[in-house]
Amino acid sequence: MIYKNDAEKAKKRWTAWWNGELTDRCCVNITSWNGKPYTEEDRRILRRPDDPEGLKTYWTDAEWIVERARIGLEHTWYGGDCLPIVTVDLGAAGHAGFFRNSKPHYSQSIWYLPSHPDPNDLAFDENSFLYRKTVDVVRALAEDSKGDYLVAMPDCSGNIDVLSHLMGPETLMFHMVEEPEEVQTALQKIQMAYRKILETSYRLVKDVNMGGSCVGWLRTWAPGFHAQMQSDMSVMFSNDMFRQFVEPELRAQTDLLDYSLYHLDGMEQIRHLDTLLSIPKLHTIQWTQVVGQPPCTEFFPELKKIQKAGKNLLINVEPGQVEPLLQNLSSKGLCLNLYVGSPEEGEAILKQVEKLTHE
């Protein structure tokens, strides 16, 4: 692995972390610009177009994505347990594009215009443009990597989020109340798409991923079949509805995956925390600090509850939060993600983590 010379040490810490074990220190990912200047050619390749067709190509052209990935890798310092991972990003809830007659909108990411007011109309299509492009991008990155870097699983998570994209949130909420059986049937179809793209991707990447798999934007690696789960839409409904419509999906996905992670997106999802903690095969809760909400250091009772339930805890944090988090939480099963201004700042934080690590 040419972008990190201590990848084997990181692999051992990640494996221990998933097993709820503590090695020499808390698991921590730190990234920074490594100081290498960007050339004009680099800037040309990285530049995002403004026009719709240009944006479509930017997000889906495998060759261009590989070029941008290499530039990003060459300009990044990977500290602590952070491995050089390339994200496969074809939009949040990316498997929404795998259904016939979906309407992707290419902008700062890939979003969807409501296209399926009737949940009975959903039809998964392996020949859809975005399904084929997702597989093409995963394959192209794996072929380019040859072990130089790791290739993330596609950002395809959140079945009810997909349905919200396809139906529109208001229409979906109406059907959840008035036609719950139809919504359940639609969610089962979406689960089939989730399973298909993840199993296909895992077969393509595991040989260049040290035998495992990754979630790119969270910088996680696991020694087996690993992916993200989520339900961002659940901030809009009660825990009763969460248990009715989301919990079955999560249980099916934790049965599918060797190493599962739930992306808890903000304080409105705290009302679902007990349900999440009751899922036996859910390994990790990823706590998101949402802009405009209190910082994670205001939620120590909830964070301790996650650890007490035997779940791992992953948090994207600011440098000033490292000390209070390590002082108040067990280092066992804890992983912190940081972006810092320089490798020197990152090395100082690593020393801080080593000093403060405890059971």
Protein backbone atom coordinates (compact mmCIF):
# COMPACT_ATOMS: atom_id res chain seq x y z
CA MET A 1 0.00 0.00 0.00
CA ILE A 2 1.95 3.00 -1.28
CA TYR A 3 0.05 5.78 0.52
CA LYS A 4 0.52 4.40 4.06
CA ASN A 5 3.54 2.53 5.35
CA ASP A 6 1.97 1.16 8.53
CA ALA A 7 -1.23 -0.29 7.07
CA GLU A 8 -0.72 -3.65 8.78
CA LYS A 9 -0.68 -2.00 12.21
CA ALA A 10 -3.88 -0.14 11.34
CA LYS A 11 -5.45 -3.38 10.13
CA LYS A 12 -4.73 -5.02 13.50
CA ARG A 13 -6.27 -2.09 15.41
CA TRP A 14 -9.38 -2.11 13.21
CA THR A 15 -9.81 -5.84 13.69
CA ALA A 16 -9.50 -5.44 17.46
CA TRP A 17 -11.92 -2.50 17.39
CA TRP A 18 -14.62 -4.52 15.65
CA ASN A 19 -14.13 -7.23 18.26
CA GLY A 20 -14.61 -4.70 21.08
CA GLU A 21 -10.98 -5.06 22.12
CA LEU A 22 -8.42 -2.41 23.00
CA THR A 23 -4.85 -2.67 21.76
CA ASP A 24 -2.22 -0.04 22.56
CA ARG A 25 -4.52 2.98 22.11
CA CYS A 26 -7.93 4.22 21.05
CA CYS A 27 -8.70 3.84 17.35
CA VAL A 28 -8.32 7.20 15.58
CA ASN A 29 -8.38 8.37 11.96
CA ILE A 30 -6.60 11.62 11.12
CA THR A 31 -6.26 13.16 7.67
CA SER A 32 -4.59 16.31 6.46
CA TRP A 33 -3.24 17.89 3.30
CA ASN A 34 0.33 16.62 3.12
CA GLY A 35 1.77 19.89 1.79
CA LYS A 36 2.33 18.74 -1.80
CA PRO A 37 1.42 21.57 -4.21
CA TYR A 38 -1.39 21.09 -6.72
CA THR A 39 -0.39 21.53 -10.35
CA GLU A 40 -2.52 23.30 -12.94
CA GLU A 41 -3.28 19.88 -14.45
CA ASP A 42 -4.43 18.66 -11.04
CA ARG A 43 -6.76 21.65 -10.73
CA ARG A 44 -8.12 21.07 -14.22
CA ILE A 45 -8.93 17.44 -13.45
CA LEU A 46 -10.48 18.27 -10.07
CA ARG A 47 -12.60 21.16 -11.35
CA ARG A 48 -16.33 20.43 -11.17
CA PRO A 49 -18.36 21.55 -14.23
CA ASP A 50 -21.37 23.85 -13.97
CA ASP A 51 -23.51 22.52 -16.82
CA PRO A 52 -25.90 19.54 -16.38
CA GLU A 53 -24.20 17.24 -18.88
CA GLY A 54 -20.78 18.06 -17.47
CA LEU A 55 -21.99 17.27 -13.97
CA LYS A 56 -23.45 13.97 -15.11
CA THR A 57 -20.08 13.01 -16.59
CA TYR A 58 -18.23 14.25 -13.50
CA TRP A 59 -20.20 11.91 -11.24
CA THR A 60 -20.37 8.85 -13.49
CA ASP A 61 -17.30 8.69 -15.77
CA ALA A 62 -15.09 5.97 -14.28
CA GLU A 63 -11.84 7.14 -15.92
CA TRP A 64 -12.27 10.69 -14.63
CA ILE A 65 -13.16 9.41 -11.14
CA VAL A 66 -9.97 7.31 -11.07
CA GLU A 67 -7.90 10.36 -12.07
CA ARG A 68 -9.43 12.48 -9.31
CA ALA A 69 -8.94 9.68 -6.80
CA ARG A 70 -5.22 9.43 -7.49
CA ILE A 71 -4.79 13.19 -7.08
CA GLY A 72 -6.61 13.11 -3.76
CA LEU A 73 -4.48 10.24 -2.51
CA GLU A 74 -1.23 11.91 -3.54
CA HIS A 75 -2.11 15.07 -1.59
CA THR A 76 -3.33 13.47 1.65
CA TRP A 77 -1.54 12.52 4.85
CA TYR A 78 -3.08 9.47 6.52
CA GLY A 79 -2.46 9.45 10.26
CA GLY A 80 -3.24 6.99 13.02
CA ASP A 81 -5.44 4.19 11.77
CA CYS A 82 -6.66 6.08 8.71
CA LEU A 83 -6.21 4.01 5.58
CA PRO A 84 -6.12 5.45 2.04
CA ILE A 85 -9.71 4.82 0.98
CA VAL A 86 -11.36 6.09 -2.21
CA THR A 87 -15.06 6.83 -1.81
CA VAL A 88 -17.53 5.57 -4.41
CA ASP A 89 -19.97 8.48 -4.41
CA LEU A 90 -22.88 8.36 -6.82
CA GLY A 91 -25.18 10.19 -4.46
CA ALA A 92 -26.74 9.70 -1.05
CA ALA A 93 -29.15 6.74 -1.00
CA GLY A 94 -27.48 5.86 -4.29
CA HIS A 95 -29.60 2.81 -5.07
CA ALA A 96 -32.57 5.11 -5.80
CA GLY A 97 -31.12 5.34 -9.31
CA PHE A 98 -31.44 1.59 -9.84
CA PHE A 99 -35.23 1.73 -10.31
CA ARG A 100 -36.95 2.08 -13.66
CA ASN A 101 -38.00 5.65 -14.50
CA SER A 102 -36.16 7.26 -11.60
CA LYS A 103 -35.15 10.89 -12.23
CA PRO A 104 -31.61 11.66 -11.03
CA HIS A 105 -30.59 15.29 -10.74
CA TYR A 106 -26.85 15.95 -11.06
CA SER A 107 -25.61 18.91 -9.01
CA GLN A 108 -23.25 19.15 -6.00
CA SER A 109 -24.19 15.49 -5.53
CA ILE A 110 -26.77 13.21 -7.18
CA TRP A 111 -30.30 13.76 -5.92
CA TYR A 112 -33.65 12.61 -7.26
CA LEU A 113 -36.82 14.29 -8.40
CA PRO A 114 -40.01 12.50 -7.23
CA SER A 115 -41.00 10.03 -9.92
CA HIS A 116 -43.04 7.25 -8.29
CA PRO A 117 -46.13 8.52 -6.44
CA ASP A 118 -47.41 4.93 -6.36
CA PRO A 119 -45.06 2.60 -4.41
CA ASN A 120 -46.45 -0.36 -6.38
CA ASP A 121 -44.68 0.95 -9.51
CA LEU A 122 -41.14 0.23 -8.31
CA ALA A 123 -39.10 -2.05 -10.56
CA PHE A 124 -35.41 -2.74 -9.90
CA ASP A 125 -33.44 -2.60 -13.15
CA GLU A 126 -29.89 -4.00 -13.34
CA ASN A 127 -29.60 -2.36 -16.77
CA SER A 128 -30.36 1.10 -15.43
CA PHE A 129 -27.74 3.75 -16.19
CA LEU A 130 -26.75 4.34 -12.56
CA TYR A 131 -26.59 0.66 -11.59
CA ARG A 132 -24.24 -0.05 -14.50
CA LYS A 133 -22.19 3.08 -13.74
CA THR A 134 -21.87 2.19 -10.07
CA VAL A 135 -20.49 -1.25 -10.95
CA ASP A 136 -18.23 0.29 -13.61
CA VAL A 137 -16.76 2.76 -11.12
CA VAL A 138 -16.17 0.12 -8.44
CA ARG A 139 -14.52 -2.18 -10.99
CA ALA A 140 -12.36 0.60 -12.47
CA LEU A 141 -11.08 1.68 -9.07
CA ALA A 142 -10.33 -1.88 -8.02
CA GLU A 143 -8.42 -2.50 -11.26
CA ASP A 144 -6.48 0.75 -10.88
CA SER A 145 -5.70 0.18 -7.18
CA LYS A 146 -4.00 -3.21 -7.37
CA GLY A 147 -3.55 -2.78 -3.63
CA ASP A 148 -2.14 0.77 -3.71
CA TYR A 149 -5.29 1.99 -1.93
CA LEU A 150 -8.64 0.70 -0.73
CA VAL A 151 -11.95 1.04 -2.56
CA ALA A 152 -15.07 1.86 -0.54
CA MET A 153 -18.44 0.23 -0.87
CA PRO A 154 -20.93 2.40 -2.83
CA ASP A 155 -22.89 4.93 -0.78
CA CYS A 156 -26.10 2.93 -1.10
CA SER A 157 -27.87 2.99 2.25
CA GLY A 158 -31.21 3.85 3.75
CA ASN A 159 -34.05 2.01 2.02
CA ILE A 160 -36.73 4.33 3.34
CA ASP A 161 -34.54 7.27 2.30
CA VAL A 162 -34.52 5.81 -1.22
CA LEU A 163 -38.29 5.54 -1.17
CA SER A 164 -38.50 9.15 -0.01
CA HIS A 165 -36.36 10.22 -2.97
CA LEU A 166 -38.52 8.27 -5.40
CA MET A 167 -41.95 9.18 -4.02
CA GLY A 168 -41.29 12.52 -2.37
CA PRO A 169 -41.35 12.70 1.44
CA GLU A 170 -44.89 14.03 1.77
CA THR A 171 -46.34 11.34 -0.50
CA LEU A 172 -44.38 8.64 1.32
CA MET A 173 -45.54 9.82 4.75
CA PHE A 174 -49.15 9.74 3.57
CA HIS A 175 -48.73 6.16 2.32
CA MET A 176 -47.02 5.11 5.57
CA VAL A 177 -50.21 6.08 7.40
CA GLU A 178 -52.85 5.10 4.85
CA GLU A 179 -51.23 2.21 2.91
CA PRO A 180 -48.54 0.69 5.15
CA GLU A 181 -48.58 -2.71 3.41
CA GLU A 182 -47.73 -1.10 0.07
CA VAL A 183 -44.83 0.75 1.66
CA GLN A 184 -43.53 -2.47 3.24
CA THR A 185 -43.65 -4.24 -0.13
CA ALA A 186 -41.76 -1.37 -1.78
CA LEU A 187 -39.10 -1.45 0.95
CA GLN A 188 -38.56 -5.16 0.34
CA LYS A 189 -37.90 -4.42 -3.35
CA ILE A 190 -35.39 -1.74 -2.36
CA GLN A 191 -33.70 -4.17 0.02
CA MET A 192 -33.15 -6.50 -2.94
CA ALA A 193 -31.32 -3.67 -4.75
CA TYR A 194 -29.26 -2.88 -1.62
CA ARG A 195 -28.21 -6.50 -1.33
CA LYS A 196 -27.42 -6.87 -5.04
CA ILE A 197 -25.14 -3.82 -5.33
CA LEU A 198 -23.30 -4.51 -2.08
CA GLU A 199 -22.66 -8.19 -2.80
CA THR A 200 -21.52 -7.34 -6.34
CA SER A 201 -19.23 -4.57 -5.10
CA TYR A 202 -17.74 -6.68 -2.33
CA ARG A 203 -16.73 -9.38 -4.81
CA LEU A 204 -14.96 -6.71 -6.88
CA VAL A 205 -13.07 -4.95 -4.06
CA LYS A 206 -12.19 -7.46 -1.36
CA ASP A 207 -8.96 -8.63 -3.00
CA VAL A 208 -7.55 -5.06 -3.08
CA ASN A 209 -9.01 -4.23 0.35
CA MET A 210 -6.85 -6.52 2.49
CA GLY A 211 -9.68 -9.06 2.31
CA GLY A 212 -12.26 -6.67 3.75
CA SER A 213 -14.37 -3.64 2.88
CA CYS A 214 -14.71 0.04 3.74
CA VAL A 215 -17.14 2.91 4.18
CA GLY A 216 -15.34 5.77 2.47
CA TRP A 217 -16.66 8.96 4.01
CA LEU A 218 -16.37 7.47 7.52
CA ARG A 219 -12.88 6.02 6.91
CA THR A 220 -13.81 2.62 8.35
CA TRP A 221 -12.26 -0.71 7.38
CA ALA A 222 -13.45 -4.16 8.46
CA PRO A 223 -11.98 -7.62 7.82
CA GLY A 224 -15.08 -8.85 5.99
CA PHE A 225 -18.38 -7.71 4.44
CA HIS A 226 -19.00 -4.21 5.84
CA ALA A 227 -21.33 -1.35 4.88
CA GLN A 228 -23.32 1.55 6.25
CA MET A 229 -26.99 1.59 7.22
CA GLN A 230 -29.12 4.68 7.80
CA SER A 231 -32.57 6.21 7.98
CA ASP A 232 -32.12 9.96 7.72
CA MET A 233 -35.84 10.32 7.07
CA SER A 234 -36.56 8.96 10.54
CA VAL A 235 -36.03 12.43 12.01
CA MET A 236 -39.56 13.07 10.65
CA PHE A 237 -41.47 10.29 12.38
CA SER A 238 -42.06 8.55 15.70
CA ASN A 239 -40.28 5.57 17.15
CA ASP A 240 -43.42 3.48 16.62
CA MET A 241 -43.14 4.16 12.88
CA PHE A 242 -39.39 3.55 13.03
CA ARG A 243 -40.00 0.10 14.52
CA GLN A 244 -42.69 -0.61 11.94
CA PHE A 245 -40.88 0.50 8.78
CA VAL A 246 -37.15 0.74 9.53
CA GLU A 247 -36.28 -1.88 12.12
CA PRO A 248 -37.13 -4.82 9.78
CA GLU A 249 -34.78 -3.34 7.15
CA LEU A 250 -31.98 -2.93 9.68
CA ARG A 251 -32.35 -6.47 11.02
CA ALA A 252 -32.22 -7.84 7.46
CA GLN A 253 -29.11 -5.81 6.71
CA THR A 254 -27.30 -6.80 9.91
CA ASP A 255 -28.03 -10.43 9.01
CA LEU A 256 -26.48 -9.79 5.58
CA LEU A 257 -23.34 -7.96 6.70
CA ASP A 258 -20.43 -9.28 8.72
CA TYR A 259 -19.75 -5.82 10.17
CA SER A 260 -22.62 -3.34 10.32
CA LEU A 261 -22.67 0.38 11.12
CA TYR A 262 -25.65 2.69 11.60
CA HIS A 263 -25.29 6.38 10.70
CA LEU A 264 -27.25 8.24 13.40
CA ASP A 265 -27.86 11.64 11.85
CA GLY A 266 -28.49 14.12 14.62
CA MET A 267 -30.28 14.51 17.93
CA GLU A 268 -33.77 13.91 16.46
CA GLN A 269 -32.80 10.24 16.10
CA ILE A 270 -32.11 9.82 19.80
CA ARG A 271 -35.73 8.70 20.20
CA HIS A 272 -34.81 5.65 18.09
CA LEU A 273 -31.67 4.81 20.06
CA ASP A 274 -33.19 2.11 22.28
CA THR A 275 -34.55 0.35 19.20
CA LEU A 276 -31.14 0.47 17.52
CA LEU A 277 -29.40 -0.87 20.61
CA SER A 278 -31.84 -3.79 20.73
CA ILE A 279 -30.65 -5.13 17.35
CA PRO A 280 -28.22 -7.92 18.30
CA LYS A 281 -26.08 -7.92 15.16
CA LEU A 282 -25.67 -4.14 14.91
CA HIS A 283 -22.01 -3.54 15.72
CA THR A 284 -21.49 0.22 15.55
CA ILE A 285 -23.33 3.50 15.99
CA GLN A 286 -21.82 6.43 14.10
CA TRP A 287 -22.80 9.63 15.93
CA THR A 288 -23.13 12.66 13.63
CA GLN A 289 -22.62 16.19 14.89
CA VAL A 290 -25.18 18.17 12.88
CA VAL A 291 -24.58 21.85 12.17
CA GLY A 292 -26.80 23.97 14.41
CA GLN A 293 -27.18 21.24 17.05
CA PRO A 294 -25.22 20.88 20.31
CA PRO A 295 -21.79 19.22 20.01
CA CYS A 296 -21.28 15.54 20.83
CA THR A 297 -19.78 16.53 24.19
CA GLU A 298 -23.30 17.56 25.27
CA PHE A 299 -24.54 13.98 24.88
CA PHE A 300 -22.35 11.93 27.20
CA PRO A 301 -25.33 10.04 28.74
CA GLU A 302 -26.38 8.83 25.27
CA LEU A 303 -22.80 8.05 24.20
CA LYS A 304 -22.17 6.08 27.39
CA LYS A 305 -25.45 4.24 26.85
CA ILE A 306 -24.24 3.11 23.42
CA GLN A 307 -21.01 1.79 24.93
CA LYS A 308 -22.80 0.12 27.84
CA ALA A 309 -24.99 -1.74 25.34
CA GLY A 310 -21.83 -3.28 23.86
CA LYS A 311 -21.89 -1.30 20.61
CA ASN A 312 -18.87 0.38 19.08
CA LEU A 313 -18.97 4.16 18.79
CA LEU A 314 -17.63 6.21 15.87
CA ILE A 315 -17.63 10.02 15.98
CA ASN A 316 -16.38 12.67 13.55
CA VAL A 317 -14.87 15.25 15.89
CA GLU A 318 -13.01 18.54 16.13
CA PRO A 319 -9.50 18.54 17.67
CA GLY A 320 -10.71 20.32 20.81
CA GLN A 321 -13.19 17.51 21.51
CA VAL A 322 -10.60 14.73 21.69
CA GLU A 323 -9.64 15.27 25.33
CA PRO A 324 -13.16 15.47 26.86
CA LEU A 325 -14.32 12.47 24.82
CA LEU A 326 -11.40 10.32 25.89
CA GLN A 327 -11.73 11.45 29.50
CA ASN A 328 -15.44 10.62 29.70
CA LEU A 329 -15.78 7.54 27.48
CA SER A 330 -14.12 4.15 27.41
CA SER A 331 -11.44 3.90 24.73
CA LYS A 332 -12.57 0.32 24.08
CA GLY A 333 -14.77 0.27 20.97
CA LEU A 334 -14.29 4.03 20.43
CA CYS A 335 -13.05 5.51 17.15
CA LEU A 336 -12.55 9.22 16.45
CA ASN A 337 -12.34 10.76 12.98
CA LEU A 338 -10.55 14.10 12.50
CA TYR A 339 -9.39 16.39 9.72
CA VAL A 340 -6.56 18.68 10.78
CA GLY A 341 -4.51 21.48 9.27
CA SER A 342 -1.18 19.69 9.00
CA PRO A 343 0.57 16.36 9.64
CA GLU A 344 2.34 17.99 12.59
CA GLU A 345 -1.00 18.81 14.22
CA GLY A 346 -2.10 15.25 13.54
CA GLU A 347 1.00 13.78 15.19
CA ALA A 348 0.35 15.92 18.28
CA ILE A 349 -3.20 14.58 18.49
CA LEU A 350 -1.92 11.02 18.19
CA LYS A 351 0.32 11.61 21.20
CA GLN A 352 -2.68 13.05 23.07
CA VAL A 353 -4.74 9.95 22.21
CA GLU A 354 -1.97 7.63 23.37
CA LYS A 355 -1.73 9.50 26.69
CA LEU A 356 -5.49 9.56 27.36
CA THR A 357 -6.41 6.02 26.21
CA HIS A 358 -7.94 3.96 29.01
CA GLU A 359 -10.36 1.09 29.56
